[in-house]
């Protein structure tokens, strides 16, 4: 089963019909997405994948933040996760780097949500490709992703 099918199935489980926006110029980076949407980069919910001891770890953080992998994330996990390469990301999530959505991954993942995202009424996440995004309210994202909320920024 391909990643986009899994993602859309997850959306339907929560009766969520995302308004997917496609931008041919690309939304691969948080800044690309913000430029296309005309919003501040902090409103982009970027999904960063790490290599964990028991599988992939997805950290959903504000586009303006960096993840404190060696400190805060290490404390949450009890160990320091490794950086994931593009092959690992695709194999474990079903998506290429630059298009990983915040939920609906191919393999079970541990998900963390940066508490800074809760400061916004609406945020934008990748919709499975490097040229698509969707809007979502932070509380809805927290519920749908099953993420653990925390301070994980550098």
Protein backbone atom coordinates (compact mmCIF):
# COMPACT_ATOMS: atom_id res chain seq x y z
CA UNK A 1 0.00 0.00 0.00
CA UNK A 2 1.42 3.38 -0.87
CA UNK A 3 1.88 6.16 1.67
CA UNK A 4 -0.74 8.50 0.23
CA UNK A 5 -3.43 5.84 0.56
CA UNK A 6 -2.47 5.32 4.21
CA UNK A 7 -2.52 9.08 4.86
CA UNK A 8 -5.94 9.52 3.27
CA UNK A 9 -7.28 6.50 5.21
CA UNK A 10 -6.07 8.11 8.45
CA UNK A 11 -7.85 11.33 7.48
CA UNK A 12 -11.10 9.47 6.86
CA UNK A 13 -10.89 7.71 10.25
CA UNK A 14 -11.18 11.15 11.84
CA UNK A 15 -13.80 12.39 9.36
CA UNK A 16 -11.20 14.92 8.17
CA UNK A 17 -11.29 15.98 4.53
CA UNK A 18 -8.13 18.01 4.04
CA UNK A 19 -8.12 20.81 1.51
CA UNK A 20 -4.96 19.80 -0.32
CA UNK A 21 -3.19 22.68 -2.04
CA UNK A 22 -0.80 21.87 -4.91
CA UNK A 23 2.05 24.22 -5.81
CA UNK A 24 4.03 23.24 -8.92
CA UNK A 25 6.93 25.46 -7.75
CA UNK A 26 7.25 23.08 -4.78
CA UNK A 27 6.83 23.05 -1.02
CA UNK A 28 9.85 20.85 -0.26
CA UNK A 29 11.20 23.10 2.49
CA UNK A 30 9.31 25.04 5.14
CA UNK A 31 10.39 28.29 3.51
CA UNK A 32 9.22 27.06 0.08
CA UNK A 33 5.81 26.23 1.57
CA UNK A 34 5.55 29.56 3.40
CA UNK A 35 6.47 31.45 0.22
CA UNK A 36 3.81 29.59 -1.79
CA UNK A 37 1.15 30.10 0.90
CA UNK A 38 2.06 33.69 1.74
CA UNK A 39 2.37 32.90 5.45
CA UNK A 40 5.10 33.05 8.05
CA UNK A 41 7.42 30.03 8.06
CA UNK A 42 6.50 29.38 11.71
CA UNK A 43 3.01 28.30 10.53
CA UNK A 44 4.49 25.37 8.62
CA UNK A 45 4.35 22.03 10.46
CA UNK A 46 7.46 20.32 9.15
CA UNK A 47 7.91 16.59 9.72
CA UNK A 48 11.46 15.56 10.50
CA UNK A 49 12.25 11.84 10.59
CA UNK A 50 14.87 10.30 12.87
CA UNK A 51 16.12 6.75 13.20
CA UNK A 52 14.98 5.34 16.54
CA UNK A 53 15.82 2.15 18.39
CA UNK A 54 12.42 0.62 17.61
CA UNK A 55 11.60 2.37 14.35
CA UNK A 56 11.16 5.80 12.87
CA UNK A 57 10.56 8.85 15.01
CA UNK A 58 8.68 11.75 13.43
CA UNK A 59 9.01 15.17 15.00
CA UNK A 60 6.45 17.72 13.84
CA UNK A 61 7.89 21.13 14.52
CA UNK A 62 7.33 24.72 13.50
CA UNK A 63 9.10 25.62 10.28
CA UNK A 64 11.07 28.29 12.13
CA UNK A 65 12.39 25.85 14.76
CA UNK A 66 15.20 23.32 14.84
CA UNK A 67 14.88 20.09 16.80
CA UNK A 68 17.09 19.66 19.87
CA UNK A 69 17.93 16.03 19.05
CA UNK A 70 20.89 15.79 21.45
CA UNK A 71 19.11 17.37 24.42
CA UNK A 72 15.33 17.62 24.65
CA UNK A 73 14.45 14.82 22.24
CA UNK A 74 17.06 12.58 23.86
CA UNK A 75 15.48 13.23 27.28
CA UNK A 76 12.01 12.37 25.95
CA UNK A 77 13.23 9.12 24.37
CA UNK A 78 15.91 8.09 26.84
CA UNK A 79 18.49 7.94 24.03
CA UNK A 80 19.75 10.15 21.21
CA UNK A 81 18.12 9.21 17.89
CA UNK A 82 20.18 9.15 14.71
CA UNK A 83 19.59 11.27 11.66
CA UNK A 84 17.62 9.39 8.99
CA UNK A 85 18.70 9.32 5.37
CA UNK A 86 16.26 9.57 2.46
CA UNK A 87 16.16 5.78 1.94
CA UNK A 88 15.23 5.19 5.59
CA UNK A 89 12.58 7.94 5.45
CA UNK A 90 10.92 6.46 2.37
CA UNK A 91 11.09 2.87 3.65
CA UNK A 92 9.58 3.72 7.06
CA UNK A 93 7.10 6.47 6.24
CA UNK A 94 6.16 5.76 2.62
CA UNK A 95 7.08 9.30 1.58
CA UNK A 96 10.09 11.11 0.18
CA UNK A 97 11.91 13.77 2.16
CA UNK A 98 10.13 17.08 1.60
CA UNK A 99 6.68 15.50 1.47
CA UNK A 100 6.37 13.51 4.71
CA UNK A 101 2.96 14.23 6.26
CA UNK A 102 2.60 14.47 10.05
CA UNK A 103 0.62 11.20 10.30
CA UNK A 104 -0.39 8.22 8.16
CA UNK A 105 3.00 6.55 7.85
CA UNK A 106 3.78 3.18 6.27
CA UNK A 107 5.32 1.71 9.43
CA UNK A 108 4.50 2.42 13.07
CA UNK A 109 6.22 5.62 14.15
CA UNK A 110 6.70 7.43 17.41
CA UNK A 111 5.47 11.00 16.88
CA UNK A 112 6.27 14.17 18.81
CA UNK A 113 4.64 17.57 18.28
CA UNK A 114 6.46 20.80 19.04
CA UNK A 115 4.35 22.77 21.54
CA UNK A 116 5.11 26.02 19.66
CA UNK A 117 2.65 24.90 16.96
CA UNK A 118 -0.17 25.19 19.50
CA UNK A 119 0.26 29.00 19.39
CA UNK A 120 -1.38 29.23 15.96
CA UNK A 121 -5.00 29.00 14.83
CA UNK A 122 -4.04 27.20 11.62
CA UNK A 123 -0.89 25.43 10.47
CA UNK A 124 0.14 23.72 7.24
CA UNK A 125 1.56 20.21 6.86
CA UNK A 126 2.94 18.26 3.91
CA UNK A 127 0.28 16.25 2.11
CA UNK A 128 2.50 13.40 0.93
CA UNK A 129 4.45 15.06 -1.89
CA UNK A 130 6.98 17.85 -2.20
CA UNK A 131 4.44 20.11 -3.89
CA UNK A 132 1.33 19.64 -1.72
CA UNK A 133 0.27 20.97 1.68
CA UNK A 134 -2.93 20.99 3.73
CA UNK A 135 -4.27 23.25 6.49
CA UNK A 136 -5.12 21.89 9.92
CA UNK A 137 -5.81 23.23 13.40
CA UNK A 138 -3.02 22.30 15.85
CA UNK A 139 -5.38 20.55 18.29
CA UNK A 140 -6.79 18.44 15.45
CA UNK A 141 -3.24 17.56 14.36
CA UNK A 142 -2.34 16.54 17.90
CA UNK A 143 -5.38 14.26 18.09
CA UNK A 144 -5.02 12.74 14.64
CA UNK A 145 -1.29 12.12 14.87
CA UNK A 146 -1.38 10.65 18.36
CA UNK A 147 1.73 12.72 19.01
CA UNK A 148 3.27 13.44 22.36
CA UNK A 149 3.28 17.22 22.87
CA UNK A 150 6.49 18.74 24.16
CA UNK A 151 9.20 21.36 24.02
CA UNK A 152 11.68 19.90 21.56
CA UNK A 153 13.12 22.96 19.88
CA UNK A 154 16.74 23.96 20.01
